[in-house]
Amino acid sequence: MNIYLVRHGEAAALWGQAADPGLSELGRQQAAEAARSLLPELPADIQLISSPMLRAQQTAEPLAQSLGLSLTIEPAFREIPSTVPLAKRKEWLKQVMRESWSEQSPLVHQWRSELLRALQELSSPAVVFTHFLVINAIVASLQNSDKVLHFWPDNASVTQLKLVKGELSIYQLGPELDTPVN
C-alpha cells in the first residue's frame, strides 16, 4: 500500500515568527502543483490526512477539492513539539537538527512514536500532509538511524512510502530544498 508524505507548501511566516501560519502565495501555487502531480497516481480508495497545522491543511485543499474528498485531521502528524517560547523556537530547532534522536526530550520521543504508529495503523492508501521534521523522523526510523536530519524535503515535495503487512519502507524520497528550511 502506498503512503505519500507531502511537506506543506511555503509558509507565510518564518519558523519562530508565527505559531500557525498559513501558506504564502508561492505556497498555494506549490500546493496546486503537488495536487496536479499526485492526481494520476492515486487509487480510488485513497484517504487524505493532515497535520492540524494550517499550512498543512491549506496544502491539502487543492487535492481534496479535485478528488471531492474530505480531509482527516490527525494530530500525530503535527510539527515537532517544543516547550520553548515562540521567539526562541528557531534557535531551538537549529539545535535539534544538529543533534541525534537519542538526545531528544521524552516529549519528542513520544511524538515520534505516535507518528510512526499512526502510519503503521493506516488501513488504506493515504496522502499525509505534514512537516519537514516529521518526514525526517520517519526516514530516520526506517533507515535505523539516530541522526535527526537526513535530507531537506522541499516545500510541497512528495516522499513515498510502502506499507506491507505492517512494515513500512521508503520507496522514494521527495525533491530537496536548495536552501535551508525557514
Protein backbone atom coordinates (compact mmCIF):
# COMPACT_ATOMS: atom_id res chain seq x y z
CA MET A 1 0.00 0.00 0.00
CA ASN A 2 1.30 3.45 -0.91
CA ILE A 3 1.64 6.33 1.53
CA TYR A 4 2.55 9.74 0.18
CA LEU A 5 4.07 12.23 2.63
CA VAL A 6 3.62 15.78 1.36
CA ARG A 7 5.57 18.52 3.07
CA HIS A 8 3.46 21.67 3.35
CA GLY A 9 3.95 24.49 0.85
CA GLU A 10 5.93 27.61 1.70
CA ALA A 11 4.57 29.20 4.88
CA ALA A 12 3.58 32.87 5.01
CA ALA A 13 5.88 33.37 8.03
CA LEU A 14 9.29 32.05 9.04
CA TRP A 15 9.71 29.47 11.80
CA GLY A 16 9.52 31.32 15.11
CA GLN A 17 7.59 34.31 13.72
CA ALA A 18 4.08 32.85 13.96
CA ALA A 19 2.69 29.87 15.83
CA ASP A 20 0.49 28.59 12.99
CA PRO A 21 0.99 30.46 9.72
CA GLY A 22 -0.93 29.67 6.58
CA LEU A 23 0.62 29.44 3.13
CA SER A 24 2.25 32.24 1.19
CA GLU A 25 1.12 32.86 -2.39
CA LEU A 26 4.03 30.71 -3.57
CA GLY A 27 2.96 28.04 -1.07
CA ARG A 28 -0.53 27.98 -2.60
CA GLN A 29 0.99 27.53 -6.06
CA GLN A 30 3.17 24.71 -4.74
CA ALA A 31 0.11 23.02 -3.21
CA ALA A 32 -1.76 23.21 -6.51
CA GLU A 33 1.23 21.72 -8.36
CA ALA A 34 1.55 18.89 -5.83
CA ALA A 35 -2.14 18.08 -6.33
CA ARG A 36 -1.72 18.02 -10.12
CA SER A 37 1.28 15.70 -9.91
CA LEU A 38 -0.37 13.31 -7.42
CA LEU A 39 -3.80 13.01 -9.08
CA PRO A 40 -2.86 10.47 -11.79
CA GLU A 41 -1.14 8.18 -9.25
CA LEU A 42 -3.87 7.90 -6.64
CA PRO A 43 -6.20 4.90 -6.27
CA ALA A 44 -9.94 5.25 -5.68
CA ASP A 45 -9.64 4.25 -2.01
CA ILE A 46 -7.13 7.00 -1.14
CA GLN A 47 -7.57 8.85 2.13
CA LEU A 48 -6.36 12.39 2.76
CA ILE A 49 -4.84 13.10 6.17
CA SER A 50 -3.35 16.32 7.51
CA SER A 51 -1.46 17.72 10.41
CA PRO A 52 -3.69 20.11 12.36
CA MET A 53 -1.39 22.99 11.37
CA LEU A 54 -2.95 25.50 8.96
CA ARG A 55 -0.12 25.34 6.40
CA ALA A 56 -0.53 21.57 6.06
CA GLN A 57 -4.32 21.81 5.75
CA GLN A 58 -4.03 24.54 3.12
CA THR A 59 -1.54 22.40 1.18
CA ALA A 60 -4.14 19.61 1.15
CA GLU A 61 -7.02 21.79 -0.10
CA PRO A 62 -6.34 21.61 -3.88
CA LEU A 63 -6.11 17.81 -3.85
CA ALA A 64 -9.15 17.42 -1.59
CA GLN A 65 -11.18 19.66 -3.89
CA SER A 66 -10.01 17.85 -7.03
CA LEU A 67 -10.95 14.47 -5.57
CA GLY A 68 -14.11 15.63 -3.80
CA LEU A 69 -12.81 14.14 -0.56
CA SER A 70 -12.80 15.44 2.98
CA LEU A 71 -9.61 15.82 4.95
CA THR A 72 -8.98 13.88 8.16
CA ILE A 73 -7.04 15.89 10.73
CA GLU A 74 -4.55 13.69 12.60
CA PRO A 75 -2.61 15.28 15.48
CA ALA A 76 0.11 12.60 15.22
CA PHE A 77 1.39 14.32 12.06
CA ARG A 78 1.85 17.75 13.69
CA GLU A 79 5.18 19.57 13.72
CA ILE A 80 7.78 18.54 16.30
CA PRO A 81 6.61 19.70 19.75
CA SER A 82 8.51 22.41 21.54
CA THR A 83 8.27 23.78 25.06
CA VAL A 84 10.30 26.92 24.31
CA PRO A 85 8.65 30.31 23.64
CA LEU A 86 7.88 31.17 20.01
CA ALA A 87 10.65 33.80 19.87
CA LYS A 88 13.28 31.15 20.73
CA ARG A 89 11.99 28.32 18.53
CA LYS A 90 14.16 28.99 15.50
CA GLU A 91 17.36 28.59 17.56
CA TRP A 92 15.88 25.57 19.36
CA LEU A 93 15.01 23.98 16.01
CA LYS A 94 18.53 24.54 14.67
CA GLN A 95 19.90 22.80 17.76
CA VAL A 96 17.51 19.85 17.39
CA MET A 97 18.61 19.37 13.78
CA ARG A 98 22.29 19.19 14.85
CA GLU A 99 21.54 16.54 17.46
CA SER A 100 20.60 12.88 17.38
CA TRP A 101 17.23 11.35 18.24
CA SER A 102 18.72 9.82 21.38
CA GLU A 103 19.49 13.34 22.66
CA GLN A 104 15.87 14.50 22.38
CA SER A 105 13.39 15.02 25.21
CA PRO A 106 10.79 12.44 26.27
CA LEU A 107 8.14 14.72 24.69
CA VAL A 108 9.87 14.48 21.30
CA HIS A 109 10.32 10.69 21.65
CA GLN A 110 6.60 10.31 22.38
CA TRP A 111 5.73 12.47 19.34
CA ARG A 112 7.96 10.36 17.09
CA SER A 113 6.47 7.09 18.39
CA GLU A 114 2.92 8.39 17.85
CA LEU A 115 3.55 9.44 14.26
CA LEU A 116 5.17 6.11 13.36
CA ARG A 117 2.29 4.22 14.99
CA ALA A 118 -0.25 6.33 13.07
CA LEU A 119 1.42 5.39 9.78
CA GLN A 120 1.54 1.68 10.63
CA GLU A 121 -2.16 1.71 11.55
CA LEU A 122 -3.32 3.05 8.18
CA SER A 123 -5.81 0.70 6.56
CA SER A 124 -5.87 2.17 3.04
CA PRO A 125 -3.54 4.19 0.82
CA ALA A 126 -3.07 7.74 2.07
CA VAL A 127 -1.69 11.15 1.29
CA VAL A 128 -0.41 12.71 4.52
CA PHE A 129 0.17 16.48 4.56
CA THR A 130 2.82 17.18 7.13
CA HIS A 131 6.14 18.82 8.04
CA PHE A 132 9.90 18.80 7.43
CA LEU A 133 10.92 17.11 10.69
CA VAL A 134 8.01 14.66 10.59
CA ILE A 135 9.35 13.38 7.28
CA ASN A 136 12.90 13.30 8.66
CA ALA A 137 11.74 11.42 11.78
CA ILE A 138 10.09 8.78 9.61
CA VAL A 139 13.09 8.45 7.29
CA ALA A 140 15.48 8.15 10.24
CA SER A 141 13.38 5.42 11.80
CA LEU A 142 13.07 3.45 8.56
CA GLN A 143 16.83 3.72 7.98
CA ASN A 144 17.56 2.73 11.60
CA SER A 145 19.50 5.94 12.06
CA ASP A 146 19.92 8.13 15.12
CA LYS A 147 20.54 11.27 13.02
CA VAL A 148 17.70 13.82 13.18
CA LEU A 149 18.40 15.42 9.81
CA HIS A 150 18.55 13.08 6.81
CA PHE A 151 17.50 15.29 3.96
CA TRP A 152 15.91 18.67 3.22
CA PRO A 153 12.46 17.91 1.74
CA ASP A 154 11.35 20.80 -0.45
CA ASN A 155 8.07 22.62 0.08
CA ALA A 156 5.16 20.55 -1.28
CA SER A 157 7.53 17.69 -2.15
CA VAL A 158 6.27 14.13 -2.04
CA THR A 159 8.10 11.31 -0.26
CA GLN A 160 6.61 7.91 -0.99
CA LEU A 161 6.47 5.03 1.48
CA LYS A 162 5.17 1.48 1.20
CA LEU A 163 3.28 -0.31 3.95
CA VAL A 164 3.20 -4.08 3.51
CA LYS A 165 1.96 -6.40 6.29
CA GLY A 166 2.54 -3.70 8.90
CA GLU A 167 6.11 -2.97 7.74
CA LEU A 168 6.96 0.50 6.46
CA SER A 169 9.68 1.13 3.89
CA ILE A 170 10.90 4.08 1.85
CA TYR A 171 10.00 3.86 -1.83
CA GLN A 172 11.23 7.28 -2.92
CA LEU A 173 12.44 10.42 -1.17
CA GLY A 174 10.97 13.67 -2.43
CA PRO A 175 12.95 16.50 -4.03
CA GLU A 176 15.16 18.51 -1.69
CA LEU A 177 15.38 22.22 -0.92
CA ASP A 178 18.15 24.24 -2.50
CA THR A 179 18.42 26.31 0.70
CA PRO A 180 17.82 25.53 4.40
CA VAL A 181 14.37 25.40 5.98
CA ASN A 182 12.78 28.68 7.16
